[in-house]
Amino acid sequence: MNTDRKTAAHADLAYLREMAEAGARAPLLGGRFMVWWGGLTGAVAFAHWLIITEAVGIGVQALWPLWLGYMVLGSIGSAILGWSVRNKPGAGSMGNRVQQVLWPVLGGCIGLYFAGLVAGMLAGLVPGALINTMLPIAFLAYGTGWMVDALLSRERLLLVPAIITLAAAFFGTALVMTPWVYLVASAGMLLGTFIPGFFLMAREPRDVV
């Protein structure tokens, strides 16, 4: 009898261990957010570049509505996407729990930096050109997020967007006082966030279990 109980206990422990390991390997669910923010930011940064280089017949007065609309639309889309993953299997895994905390925190830090710049500009303490520094700062945050995701999930392919976004931070800083920083930002978001987001989405489980 004791032997049977020990065998059953070992079987239960093995099952729990298998379930825990499966949960630890659960695919990351943040791909749709990367596609959304990467595509939207890449498009808006490109539009900004077109405007300030006078490639289109729109004055620079369109920049504030462009970015304010970006923030409103981006936030609404992000909230909808958050609702869409609430029942996805694997959402409680360590990697996904870290994503759920890390990326909003990084986004909040970027937003706080932006708010500080705007406050300084409105007070006449910060020159308007410093708004360009938002871009390399944002890429440093994105590179950090991708690097953490890669190391926690042990998915080496995620090192690629980490390297791309960190490279965009480097080149964006070097070009921060030129219009080209927005073209770098557009390419960096599309190559370093939008496309990798599709990779993550392709790995998501399809059914609720």
N, C-alpha and C. Protein backbone atom coordinates (compact mmCIF):
# COMPACT_ATOMS: atom_id res chain seq x y z
N MET A 1 0.83 -1.21 0.00
CA MET A 1 0.00 0.00 0.00
C MET A 1 0.86 1.25 0.00
N ASN A 2 1.88 1.25 0.86
CA ASN A 2 2.79 2.39 0.94
C ASN A 2 3.51 2.61 -0.39
N THR A 3 3.87 1.48 -1.02
CA THR A 3 4.55 1.56 -2.31
C THR A 3 3.64 2.20 -3.35
N ASP A 4 2.34 1.80 -3.34
CA ASP A 4 1.39 2.37 -4.28
C ASP A 4 1.23 3.88 -4.07
N ARG A 5 1.20 4.28 -2.78
CA ARG A 5 1.05 5.71 -2.48
C ARG A 5 2.26 6.49 -2.94
N LYS A 6 3.45 5.92 -2.73
CA LYS A 6 4.67 6.59 -3.17
C LYS A 6 4.71 6.72 -4.68
N THR A 7 4.28 5.65 -5.35
CA THR A 7 4.26 5.69 -6.81
C THR A 7 3.30 6.76 -7.31
N ALA A 8 2.11 6.82 -6.66
CA ALA A 8 1.12 7.82 -7.04
C ALA A 8 1.63 9.23 -6.77
N ALA A 9 2.31 9.40 -5.63
CA ALA A 9 2.85 10.71 -5.28
C ALA A 9 3.91 11.15 -6.28
N HIS A 10 4.78 10.21 -6.67
CA HIS A 10 5.81 10.54 -7.66
C HIS A 10 5.18 10.90 -9.01
N ALA A 11 4.11 10.20 -9.36
CA ALA A 11 3.43 10.48 -10.61
C ALA A 11 2.80 11.88 -10.59
N ASP A 12 2.20 12.21 -9.43
CA ASP A 12 1.60 13.53 -9.30
C ASP A 12 2.65 14.63 -9.39
N LEU A 13 3.78 14.41 -8.72
CA LEU A 13 4.86 15.40 -8.76
C LEU A 13 5.41 15.56 -10.17
N ALA A 14 5.55 14.44 -10.87
CA ALA A 14 6.05 14.50 -12.24
C ALA A 14 5.08 15.27 -13.13
N TYR A 15 3.77 15.04 -12.90
CA TYR A 15 2.76 15.76 -13.69
C TYR A 15 2.82 17.26 -13.42
N LEU A 16 2.90 17.64 -12.13
CA LEU A 16 2.97 19.05 -11.78
C LEU A 16 4.23 19.70 -12.35
N ARG A 17 5.33 18.96 -12.30
CA ARG A 17 6.57 19.49 -12.86
C ARG A 17 6.46 19.69 -14.36
N GLU A 18 5.83 18.73 -15.04
CA GLU A 18 5.65 18.85 -16.48
C GLU A 18 4.78 20.05 -16.83
N MET A 19 3.70 20.25 -16.02
CA MET A 19 2.82 21.39 -16.26
C MET A 19 3.53 22.71 -16.03
N ALA A 20 4.36 22.75 -14.96
CA ALA A 20 5.11 23.97 -14.65
C ALA A 20 6.10 24.30 -15.75
N GLU A 21 6.79 23.27 -16.26
CA GLU A 21 7.76 23.50 -17.33
C GLU A 21 7.07 23.94 -18.61
N ALA A 22 5.89 23.38 -18.87
CA ALA A 22 5.13 23.78 -20.05
C ALA A 22 4.70 25.23 -19.94
N GLY A 23 4.29 25.63 -18.72
CA GLY A 23 3.90 27.02 -18.50
C GLY A 23 5.06 27.96 -18.67
N ALA A 24 6.23 27.55 -18.21
CA ALA A 24 7.42 28.40 -18.34
C ALA A 24 7.79 28.61 -19.80
N ARG A 25 7.45 27.61 -20.65
CA ARG A 25 7.78 27.71 -22.06
C ARG A 25 6.64 28.29 -22.89
N ALA A 26 5.58 28.77 -22.22
CA ALA A 26 4.42 29.30 -22.94
C ALA A 26 4.83 30.46 -23.84
N PRO A 27 4.30 30.48 -25.06
CA PRO A 27 4.66 31.57 -25.99
C PRO A 27 4.28 32.94 -25.42
N LEU A 28 5.07 33.95 -25.76
CA LEU A 28 4.77 35.31 -25.34
C LEU A 28 3.56 35.83 -26.12
N LEU A 29 2.73 36.62 -25.44
CA LEU A 29 1.48 37.07 -26.03
C LEU A 29 1.49 38.55 -26.39
N GLY A 30 2.66 39.15 -26.38
CA GLY A 30 2.72 40.58 -26.64
C GLY A 30 2.87 40.96 -28.11
N GLY A 31 2.82 39.97 -29.01
CA GLY A 31 3.07 40.25 -30.41
C GLY A 31 2.11 41.24 -31.02
N ARG A 32 0.84 41.13 -30.69
CA ARG A 32 -0.15 42.03 -31.29
C ARG A 32 0.07 43.49 -30.86
N PHE A 33 0.57 43.66 -29.63
CA PHE A 33 0.89 45.02 -29.18
C PHE A 33 2.08 45.58 -29.96
N MET A 34 3.06 44.71 -30.23
CA MET A 34 4.22 45.14 -31.00
C MET A 34 3.84 45.51 -32.44
N VAL A 35 2.96 44.71 -33.03
CA VAL A 35 2.50 45.01 -34.38
C VAL A 35 1.76 46.35 -34.40
N TRP A 36 0.88 46.54 -33.41
CA TRP A 36 0.09 47.76 -33.36
C TRP A 36 0.96 49.00 -33.16
N TRP A 37 1.77 48.98 -32.09
CA TRP A 37 2.58 50.16 -31.78
C TRP A 37 3.72 50.34 -32.79
N GLY A 38 4.30 49.24 -33.25
CA GLY A 38 5.38 49.35 -34.23
C GLY A 38 4.89 49.92 -35.54
N GLY A 39 3.75 49.43 -36.03
CA GLY A 39 3.20 49.92 -37.28
C GLY A 39 2.73 51.36 -37.18
N LEU A 40 2.01 51.65 -36.09
CA LEU A 40 1.47 53.00 -35.91
C LEU A 40 2.58 54.03 -35.73
N THR A 41 3.54 53.72 -34.86
CA THR A 41 4.64 54.66 -34.62
C THR A 41 5.51 54.84 -35.86
N GLY A 42 5.78 53.72 -36.55
CA GLY A 42 6.57 53.81 -37.78
C GLY A 42 5.91 54.69 -38.82
N ALA A 43 4.58 54.55 -38.96
CA ALA A 43 3.86 55.35 -39.95
C ALA A 43 3.83 56.82 -39.56
N VAL A 44 3.61 57.11 -38.28
CA VAL A 44 3.53 58.50 -37.82
C VAL A 44 4.90 59.17 -37.90
N ALA A 45 5.96 58.44 -37.55
CA ALA A 45 7.32 59.00 -37.66
C ALA A 45 7.65 59.31 -39.12
N PHE A 46 7.23 58.44 -40.02
CA PHE A 46 7.48 58.69 -41.44
C PHE A 46 6.69 59.91 -41.92
N ALA A 47 5.44 60.02 -41.45
CA ALA A 47 4.63 61.19 -41.81
C ALA A 47 5.28 62.47 -41.28
N HIS A 48 5.82 62.40 -40.06
CA HIS A 48 6.52 63.55 -39.48
C HIS A 48 7.70 63.95 -40.36
N TRP A 49 8.46 62.98 -40.80
CA TRP A 49 9.62 63.26 -41.66
C TRP A 49 9.19 63.91 -42.97
N LEU A 50 8.10 63.42 -43.56
CA LEU A 50 7.60 63.99 -44.81
C LEU A 50 7.19 65.45 -44.61
N ILE A 51 6.60 65.74 -43.46
CA ILE A 51 6.12 67.09 -43.20
C ILE A 51 7.29 68.06 -43.01
N ILE A 52 8.25 67.68 -42.16
CA ILE A 52 9.32 68.63 -41.84
C ILE A 52 10.33 68.78 -42.97
N THR A 53 10.37 67.82 -43.88
CA THR A 53 11.26 67.96 -45.05
C THR A 53 10.52 68.59 -46.22
N GLU A 54 9.24 68.96 -46.00
CA GLU A 54 8.41 69.61 -47.02
C GLU A 54 8.23 68.74 -48.26
N ALA A 55 8.26 67.42 -48.02
CA ALA A 55 8.01 66.49 -49.13
C ALA A 55 6.53 66.44 -49.49
N VAL A 56 5.69 66.89 -48.57
CA VAL A 56 4.25 66.99 -48.81
C VAL A 56 3.82 68.42 -48.50
N GLY A 57 2.73 68.83 -49.08
CA GLY A 57 2.28 70.22 -48.90
C GLY A 57 1.49 70.44 -47.64
N ILE A 58 2.03 70.01 -46.52
CA ILE A 58 1.37 70.20 -45.22
C ILE A 58 2.33 70.96 -44.32
N GLY A 59 1.85 72.00 -43.67
CA GLY A 59 2.70 72.80 -42.81
C GLY A 59 3.02 72.09 -41.50
N VAL A 60 4.04 72.61 -40.82
CA VAL A 60 4.47 71.99 -39.55
C VAL A 60 3.40 72.11 -38.47
N GLN A 61 2.40 72.96 -38.68
CA GLN A 61 1.33 73.08 -37.69
C GLN A 61 0.53 71.77 -37.58
N ALA A 62 0.72 70.88 -38.54
CA ALA A 62 0.02 69.59 -38.49
C ALA A 62 0.69 68.59 -37.56
N LEU A 63 1.88 68.91 -37.06
CA LEU A 63 2.62 67.94 -36.25
C LEU A 63 1.95 67.66 -34.91
N TRP A 64 1.48 68.71 -34.24
CA TRP A 64 0.83 68.48 -32.94
C TRP A 64 -0.43 67.62 -33.07
N PRO A 65 -1.35 67.93 -34.00
CA PRO A 65 -2.51 67.04 -34.18
C PRO A 65 -2.10 65.62 -34.56
N LEU A 66 -1.03 65.51 -35.35
CA LEU A 66 -0.55 64.19 -35.77
C LEU A 66 -0.17 63.34 -34.55
N TRP A 67 0.62 63.91 -33.66
CA TRP A 67 1.10 63.14 -32.51
C TRP A 67 0.05 62.99 -31.42
N LEU A 68 -0.80 63.98 -31.25
CA LEU A 68 -1.89 63.84 -30.29
C LEU A 68 -2.87 62.76 -30.73
N GLY A 69 -3.17 62.75 -32.03
CA GLY A 69 -4.02 61.70 -32.57
C GLY A 69 -3.37 60.33 -32.42
N TYR A 70 -2.06 60.29 -32.60
CA TYR A 70 -1.30 59.04 -32.41
C TYR A 70 -1.47 58.50 -30.99
N MET A 71 -1.35 59.39 -30.02
CA MET A 71 -1.45 58.94 -28.63
C MET A 71 -2.86 58.45 -28.29
N VAL A 72 -3.87 59.18 -28.77
CA VAL A 72 -5.26 58.77 -28.50
C VAL A 72 -5.57 57.45 -29.19
N LEU A 73 -5.29 57.37 -30.49
CA LEU A 73 -5.57 56.16 -31.24
C LEU A 73 -4.77 54.98 -30.71
N GLY A 74 -3.49 55.22 -30.39
CA GLY A 74 -2.65 54.14 -29.87
C GLY A 74 -3.18 53.59 -28.57
N SER A 75 -3.61 54.47 -27.67
CA SER A 75 -4.12 54.04 -26.37
C SER A 75 -5.41 53.24 -26.51
N ILE A 76 -6.30 53.69 -27.39
CA ILE A 76 -7.56 52.97 -27.61
C ILE A 76 -7.28 51.58 -28.18
N GLY A 77 -6.41 51.52 -29.18
CA GLY A 77 -6.07 50.23 -29.78
C GLY A 77 -5.41 49.30 -28.78
N SER A 78 -4.54 49.84 -27.94
CA SER A 78 -3.84 49.02 -26.96
C SER A 78 -4.82 48.43 -25.94
N ALA A 79 -5.82 49.24 -25.53
CA ALA A 79 -6.82 48.75 -24.59
C ALA A 79 -7.64 47.62 -25.20
N ILE A 80 -8.00 47.75 -26.47
CA ILE A 80 -8.76 46.70 -27.15
C ILE A 80 -7.93 45.42 -27.25
N LEU A 81 -6.66 45.57 -27.57
CA LEU A 81 -5.78 44.40 -27.69
C LEU A 81 -5.60 43.72 -26.34
N GLY A 82 -5.51 44.51 -25.27
CA GLY A 82 -5.40 43.94 -23.94
C GLY A 82 -6.61 43.09 -23.60
N TRP A 83 -7.80 43.54 -23.99
CA TRP A 83 -9.02 42.77 -23.78
C TRP A 83 -8.99 41.47 -24.58
N SER A 84 -8.38 41.51 -25.76
CA SER A 84 -8.41 40.35 -26.65
C SER A 84 -7.52 39.19 -26.17
N VAL A 85 -6.55 39.45 -25.30
CA VAL A 85 -5.66 38.38 -24.86
C VAL A 85 -5.98 37.89 -23.45
N ARG A 86 -7.06 38.38 -22.86
CA ARG A 86 -7.30 38.07 -21.45
C ARG A 86 -7.53 36.58 -21.20
N ASN A 87 -8.06 35.85 -22.20
CA ASN A 87 -8.33 34.42 -22.03
C ASN A 87 -7.36 33.53 -22.78
N LYS A 88 -6.30 34.11 -23.29
CA LYS A 88 -5.33 33.31 -24.03
C LYS A 88 -4.60 32.36 -23.09
N PRO A 89 -4.44 31.07 -23.48
CA PRO A 89 -3.65 30.15 -22.65
C PRO A 89 -2.20 30.60 -22.57
N GLY A 90 -1.65 30.43 -21.39
CA GLY A 90 -0.26 30.82 -21.17
C GLY A 90 -0.10 32.23 -20.66
N ALA A 91 -1.23 32.97 -20.49
CA ALA A 91 -1.14 34.36 -20.06
C ALA A 91 -0.54 34.48 -18.66
N GLY A 92 -0.67 33.41 -17.86
CA GLY A 92 -0.15 33.46 -16.49
C GLY A 92 1.28 33.00 -16.35
N SER A 93 1.94 32.66 -17.47
CA SER A 93 3.33 32.22 -17.40
C SER A 93 4.23 33.37 -16.96
N MET A 94 5.41 33.02 -16.47
CA MET A 94 6.32 34.04 -15.98
C MET A 94 6.68 35.05 -17.06
N GLY A 95 6.99 34.55 -18.27
CA GLY A 95 7.36 35.45 -19.34
C GLY A 95 6.26 36.44 -19.68
N ASN A 96 5.01 35.95 -19.75
CA ASN A 96 3.90 36.84 -20.08
C ASN A 96 3.56 37.78 -18.93
N ARG A 97 3.72 37.31 -17.71
CA ARG A 97 3.48 38.20 -16.57
C ARG A 97 4.51 39.33 -16.54
N VAL A 98 5.74 39.01 -16.88
CA VAL A 98 6.77 40.05 -16.96
C VAL A 98 6.44 41.03 -18.07
N GLN A 99 6.00 40.52 -19.23
CA GLN A 99 5.62 41.40 -20.33
C GLN A 99 4.49 42.34 -19.93
N GLN A 100 3.51 41.80 -19.20
CA GLN A 100 2.35 42.60 -18.81
C GLN A 100 2.74 43.76 -17.90
N VAL A 101 3.84 43.61 -17.18
CA VAL A 101 4.30 44.66 -16.28
C VAL A 101 5.36 45.53 -16.95
N LEU A 102 6.34 44.88 -17.60
CA LEU A 102 7.51 45.59 -18.12
C LEU A 102 7.15 46.60 -19.20
N TRP A 103 6.40 46.17 -20.21
CA TRP A 103 6.16 47.06 -21.35
C TRP A 103 5.29 48.27 -20.98
N PRO A 104 4.22 48.12 -20.18
CA PRO A 104 3.49 49.32 -19.75
C PRO A 104 4.36 50.27 -18.92
N VAL A 105 5.26 49.70 -18.09
CA VAL A 105 6.15 50.56 -17.30
C VAL A 105 7.09 51.34 -18.22
N LEU A 106 7.65 50.64 -19.21
CA LEU A 106 8.53 51.33 -20.17
C LEU A 106 7.76 52.41 -20.94
N GLY A 107 6.53 52.07 -21.35
CA GLY A 107 5.71 53.06 -22.05
C GLY A 107 5.39 54.26 -21.18
N GLY A 108 5.12 53.99 -19.90
CA GLY A 108 4.85 55.08 -18.97
C GLY A 108 6.06 55.98 -18.78
N CYS A 109 7.25 55.38 -18.74
CA CYS A 109 8.48 56.17 -18.60
C CYS A 109 8.71 57.06 -19.83
N ILE A 110 8.45 56.50 -21.01
CA ILE A 110 8.57 57.30 -22.24
C ILE A 110 7.57 58.45 -22.21
N GLY A 111 6.33 58.15 -21.80
CA GLY A 111 5.31 59.19 -21.71
C GLY A 111 5.67 60.27 -20.71
N LEU A 112 6.28 59.88 -19.58
CA LEU A 112 6.68 60.86 -18.57
C LEU A 112 7.76 61.77 -19.11
N TYR A 113 8.71 61.21 -19.86
CA TYR A 113 9.77 62.02 -20.48
C TYR A 113 9.17 63.02 -21.46
N PHE A 114 8.22 62.54 -22.25
CA PHE A 114 7.54 63.41 -23.22
C PHE A 114 6.80 64.54 -22.50
N ALA A 115 6.09 64.20 -21.42
CA ALA A 115 5.35 65.22 -20.67
C ALA A 115 6.29 66.27 -20.09
N GLY A 116 7.45 65.85 -19.61
CA GLY A 116 8.43 66.79 -19.09
C GLY A 116 8.93 67.73 -20.16
N LEU A 117 9.19 67.19 -21.35
CA LEU A 117 9.63 68.04 -22.46
C LEU A 117 8.56 69.06 -22.83
N VAL A 118 7.32 68.62 -22.92
CA VAL A 118 6.23 69.53 -23.29
C VAL A 118 6.07 70.61 -22.24
N ALA A 119 6.14 70.22 -20.95
CA ALA A 119 6.02 71.21 -19.88
C ALA A 119 7.14 72.25 -19.97
N GLY A 120 8.35 71.78 -20.23
CA GLY A 120 9.48 72.70 -20.37
C GLY A 120 9.34 73.62 -21.57
N MET A 121 8.82 73.07 -22.67
CA MET A 121 8.62 73.89 -23.87
C MET A 121 7.55 74.95 -23.64
N LEU A 122 6.44 74.58 -22.99
CA LEU A 122 5.37 75.53 -22.73
C LEU A 122 5.82 76.63 -21.78
N ALA A 123 6.75 76.28 -20.88
CA ALA A 123 7.27 77.26 -19.93
C ALA A 123 8.40 78.08 -20.51
N GLY A 124 8.79 77.77 -21.73
CA GLY A 124 9.88 78.50 -22.37
C GLY A 124 11.25 78.13 -21.85
N LEU A 125 11.36 76.96 -21.20
CA LEU A 125 12.63 76.54 -20.62
C LEU A 125 13.38 75.53 -21.48
N VAL A 126 12.67 74.92 -22.42
CA VAL A 126 13.25 73.87 -23.25
C VAL A 126 13.07 74.23 -24.72
N PRO A 127 14.13 74.23 -25.53
CA PRO A 127 13.97 74.50 -26.96
C PRO A 127 13.19 73.38 -27.64
N GLY A 128 12.38 73.75 -28.62
CA GLY A 128 11.52 72.78 -29.29
C GLY A 128 12.26 71.63 -29.94
N ALA A 129 13.51 71.88 -30.37
CA ALA A 129 14.28 70.84 -31.06
C ALA A 129 14.56 69.64 -30.16
N LEU A 130 14.51 69.85 -28.83
CA LEU A 130 14.80 68.74 -27.92
C LEU A 130 13.71 67.68 -27.93
N ILE A 131 12.57 67.97 -28.55
CA ILE A 131 11.53 66.96 -28.65
C ILE A 131 12.04 65.75 -29.44
N ASN A 132 13.03 65.98 -30.31
CA ASN A 132 13.60 64.89 -31.09
C ASN A 132 14.25 63.83 -30.21
N THR A 133 14.70 64.23 -29.01
CA THR A 133 15.37 63.25 -28.13
C THR A 133 14.42 62.17 -27.65
N MET A 134 13.11 62.40 -27.83
CA MET A 134 12.13 61.36 -27.48
C MET A 134 12.43 60.06 -28.20
N LEU A 135 12.88 60.15 -29.43
CA LEU A 135 13.02 58.97 -30.27
C LEU A 135 14.13 58.04 -29.80
N PRO A 136 15.37 58.50 -29.62
CA PRO A 136 16.39 57.58 -29.09
C PRO A 136 16.08 57.08 -27.69
N ILE A 137 15.44 57.92 -26.87
CA ILE A 137 15.05 57.47 -25.52
C ILE A 137 14.06 56.31 -25.63
N ALA A 138 13.09 56.47 -26.52
CA ALA A 138 12.09 55.41 -26.71
C ALA A 138 12.75 54.13 -27.20
N PHE A 139 13.72 54.24 -28.10
CA PHE A 139 14.39 53.05 -28.61
C PHE A 139 15.24 52.36 -27.54
N LEU A 140 15.81 53.13 -26.64
CA LEU A 140 16.53 52.51 -25.51
C LEU A 140 15.55 51.69 -24.67
N ALA A 141 14.35 52.23 -24.45
CA ALA A 141 13.34 51.51 -23.68
C ALA A 141 12.90 50.25 -24.41
N TYR A 142 12.66 50.36 -25.71
CA TYR A 142 12.24 49.20 -26.49
C TYR A 142 13.35 48.14 -26.53
N GLY A 143 14.59 48.58 -26.71
CA GLY A 143 15.69 47.62 -26.70
C GLY A 143 15.80 46.88 -25.38
N THR A 144 15.57 47.60 -24.28
CA THR A 144 15.57 46.96 -22.96
C THR A 144 14.46 45.92 -22.87
N GLY A 145 13.27 46.30 -23.33
CA GLY A 145 12.14 45.37 -23.27
C GLY A 145 12.40 44.10 -24.07
N TRP A 146 12.90 44.26 -25.29
CA TRP A 146 13.19 43.09 -26.13
C TRP A 146 14.28 42.22 -25.51
N MET A 147 15.29 42.86 -24.92
CA MET A 147 16.37 42.09 -24.32
C MET A 147 15.88 41.27 -23.14
N VAL A 148 15.04 41.87 -22.31
CA VAL A 148 14.47 41.14 -21.17
C VAL A 148 13.61 39.99 -21.66
N ASP A 149 12.76 40.25 -22.68
CA ASP A 149 11.93 39.18 -23.25
C ASP A 149 12.79 38.03 -23.77
N ALA A 150 13.86 38.36 -24.47
CA ALA A 150 14.73 37.34 -25.05
C ALA A 150 15.39 36.49 -23.97
N LEU A 151 15.86 37.12 -22.91
CA LEU A 151 16.57 36.39 -21.87
C LEU A 151 15.62 35.54 -21.02
N LEU A 152 14.44 36.07 -20.74
CA LEU A 152 13.49 35.31 -19.91
C LEU A 152 12.86 34.16 -20.67
N SER A 153 12.51 34.40 -21.93
CA SER A 153 11.87 33.35 -22.73
C SER A 153 12.87 32.39 -23.35
N ARG A 154 14.17 32.74 -23.29
CA ARG A 154 15.23 31.95 -23.90
C ARG A 154 15.01 31.80 -25.40
N GLU A 155 14.35 32.77 -25.97
CA GLU A 155 14.11 32.81 -27.41
C GLU A 155 15.16 33.71 -28.04
N ARG A 156 16.19 33.10 -28.60
CA ARG A 156 17.33 33.87 -29.09
C ARG A 156 16.97 34.79 -30.26
N LEU A 157 15.95 34.42 -31.01
CA LEU A 157 15.56 35.26 -32.15
C LEU A 157 15.09 36.64 -31.69
N LEU A 158 14.65 36.74 -30.44
CA LEU A 158 14.20 38.04 -29.94
C LEU A 158 15.37 38.98 -29.69
N LEU A 159 16.59 38.44 -29.73
CA LEU A 159 17.75 39.31 -29.65
C LEU A 159 17.89 40.18 -30.89
N VAL A 160 17.31 39.72 -32.00
CA VAL A 160 17.39 40.49 -33.26
C VAL A 160 16.68 41.84 -33.11
N PRO A 161 15.38 41.88 -32.70
CA PRO A 161 14.76 43.19 -32.51
C PRO A 161 15.42 44.01 -31.41
N ALA A 162 16.00 43.33 -30.40
CA ALA A 162 16.71 44.07 -29.35
C ALA A 162 17.89 44.82 -29.95
N ILE A 163 18.64 44.12 -30.80
CA ILE A 163 19.82 44.75 -31.43
C ILE A 163 19.38 45.86 -32.39
N ILE A 164 18.30 45.62 -33.15
CA ILE A 164 17.83 46.63 -34.11
C ILE A 164 17.39 47.90 -33.39
N THR A 165 16.62 47.75 -32.32
CA THR A 165 16.13 48.94 -31.62
C THR A 165 17.25 49.67 -30.89
N LEU A 166 18.22 48.94 -30.37
CA LEU A 166 19.36 49.60 -29.74
C LEU A 166 20.22 50.31 -30.79
N ALA A 167 20.34 49.71 -31.97
CA ALA A 167 21.06 50.38 -33.07
C ALA A 167 20.33 51.65 -33.47
N ALA A 168 18.98 51.59 -33.49
CA ALA A 168 18.18 52.78 -33.82
C ALA A 168 18.39 53.87 -32.76
N ALA A 169 18.55 53.45 -31.50
CA ALA A 169 18.84 54.43 -30.44
C ALA A 169 20.18 55.11 -30.70
N PHE A 170 21.17 54.35 -31.13
CA PHE A 170 22.50 54.90 -31.41
C PHE A 170 22.45 55.90 -32.58
N PHE A 171 21.89 55.44 -33.71
CA PHE A 171 21.86 56.31 -34.88
C PHE A 171 20.89 57.49 -34.68
N GLY A 172 19.81 57.23 -33.93
CA GLY A 172 18.88 58.31 -33.64
C GLY A 172 19.53 59.40 -32.80
N THR A 173 20.37 59.00 -31.86
CA THR A 173 21.09 59.98 -31.04
C THR A 173 22.07 60.77 -31.89
N ALA A 174 22.78 60.06 -32.78
CA ALA A 174 23.76 60.74 -33.64
C ALA A 174 23.08 61.74 -34.57
N LEU A 175 21.83 61.47 -34.97
CA LEU A 175 21.12 62.32 -35.93
C LEU A 175 20.00 63.13 -35.26
N VAL A 176 20.04 63.24 -33.94
CA VAL A 176 18.91 63.77 -33.20
C VAL A 176 18.56 65.21 -33.57
N MET A 177 19.50 65.98 -34.04
CA MET A 177 19.21 67.37 -34.39
C MET A 177 18.96 67.56 -35.88
N THR A 178 18.69 66.47 -36.58
CA THR A 178 18.40 66.53 -38.01
C THR A 178 17.05 65.87 -38.29
N PRO A 179 16.43 66.17 -39.43
CA PRO A 179 15.16 65.50 -39.78
C PRO A 179 15.31 63.99 -39.95
N TRP A 180 16.53 63.54 -40.21
CA TRP A 180 16.74 62.12 -40.48
C TRP A 180 16.44 61.24 -39.27
N VAL A 181 16.40 61.82 -38.09
CA VAL A 181 16.10 61.02 -36.90
C VAL A 181 14.72 60.39 -37.01
N TYR A 182 13.80 61.06 -37.72
CA TYR A 182 12.45 60.51 -37.86
C TYR A 182 12.40 59.38 -38.88
N LEU A 183 13.27 59.44 -39.86
CA LEU A 183 13.34 58.32 -40.80
C LEU A 183 13.98 57.11 -40.12
N VAL A 184 14.98 57.35 -39.31
CA VAL A 184 15.59 56.27 -38.52
C VAL A 184 14.54 55.66 -37.59
N ALA A 185 13.73 56.52 -36.96
CA ALA A 185 12.70 56.04 -36.05
C ALA A 185 11.68 55.18 -36.78
N SER A 186 11.27 55.62 -37.96
CA SER A 186 10.29 54.85 -38.74
C SER A 186 10.84 53.47 -39.09
N ALA A 187 12.07 53.45 -39.62
CA ALA A 187 12.68 52.17 -39.99
C ALA A 187 12.91 51.29 -38.76
N GLY A 188 13.34 51.90 -37.67
CA GLY A 188 13.60 51.13 -36.45
C GLY A 188 12.35 50.48 -35.90
N MET A 189 11.22 51.21 -35.92
CA MET A 189 9.97 50.65 -35.41
C MET A 189 9.43 49.55 -36.31
N LEU A 190 9.56 49.74 -37.62
CA LEU A 190 9.05 48.72 -38.54
C LEU A 190 9.90 47.45 -38.50
N LEU A 191 11.22 47.61 -38.48
CA LEU A 191 12.12 46.45 -38.49
C LEU A 191 12.31 45.85 -37.11
N GLY A 192 12.26 46.70 -36.08
CA GLY A 192 12.58 46.22 -34.74
C GLY A 192 11.40 45.94 -33.85
N THR A 193 10.18 46.27 -34.31
CA THR A 193 9.00 46.02 -33.48
C THR A 193 7.84 45.46 -34.29
N PHE A 194 7.49 46.11 -35.40
CA PHE A 194 6.35 45.68 -36.21
C PHE A 194 6.54 44.26 -36.75
N ILE A 195 7.64 44.01 -37.44
CA ILE A 195 7.89 42.68 -38.03
C ILE A 195 8.10 41.61 -36.96
N PRO A 196 8.92 41.85 -35.92
CA PRO A 196 9.05 40.83 -34.86
C PRO A 196 7.73 40.55 -34.15
N GLY A 197 6.84 41.55 -34.11
CA GLY A 197 5.53 41.32 -33.50
C GLY A 197 4.75 40.25 -34.23
N PHE A 198 4.86 40.20 -35.55
CA PHE A 198 4.20 39.14 -36.32
C PHE A 198 4.79 37.78 -35.97
N PHE A 199 6.08 37.74 -35.74
CA PHE A 199 6.73 36.49 -35.35
C PHE A 199 6.14 35.97 -34.03
N LEU A 200 5.96 36.87 -33.07
CA LEU A 200 5.38 36.46 -31.79
C LEU A 200 3.93 36.03 -31.96
N MET A 201 3.18 36.75 -32.78
CA MET A 201 1.78 36.39 -33.00
C MET A 201 1.64 35.01 -33.62
N ALA A 202 2.56 34.66 -34.51
CA ALA A 202 2.50 33.35 -35.18
C ALA A 202 2.71 32.21 -34.20
N ARG A 203 3.36 32.50 -33.07
CA ARG A 203 3.63 31.47 -32.07
C ARG A 203 2.56 31.37 -30.98
N GLU A 204 1.60 32.28 -31.00
CA GLU A 204 0.56 32.27 -29.97
C GLU A 204 -0.33 31.03 -30.12
N PRO A 205 -0.76 30.45 -28.98
CA PRO A 205 -1.74 29.36 -29.05
C PRO A 205 -3.06 29.87 -29.56
N ARG A 206 -3.75 29.06 -30.34
CA ARG A 206 -4.97 29.50 -31.00
C ARG A 206 -6.22 29.28 -30.16
N ASP A 207 -6.23 28.27 -29.33
CA ASP A 207 -7.45 27.90 -28.62
C ASP A 207 -7.26 28.02 -27.12
N VAL A 208 -8.37 28.31 -26.43
CA VAL A 208 -8.37 28.33 -24.97
C VAL A 208 -8.44 26.90 -24.47
N VAL A 209 -7.53 26.52 -23.54
CA VAL A 209 -7.52 25.16 -23.03
C VAL A 209 -7.87 25.17 -21.57
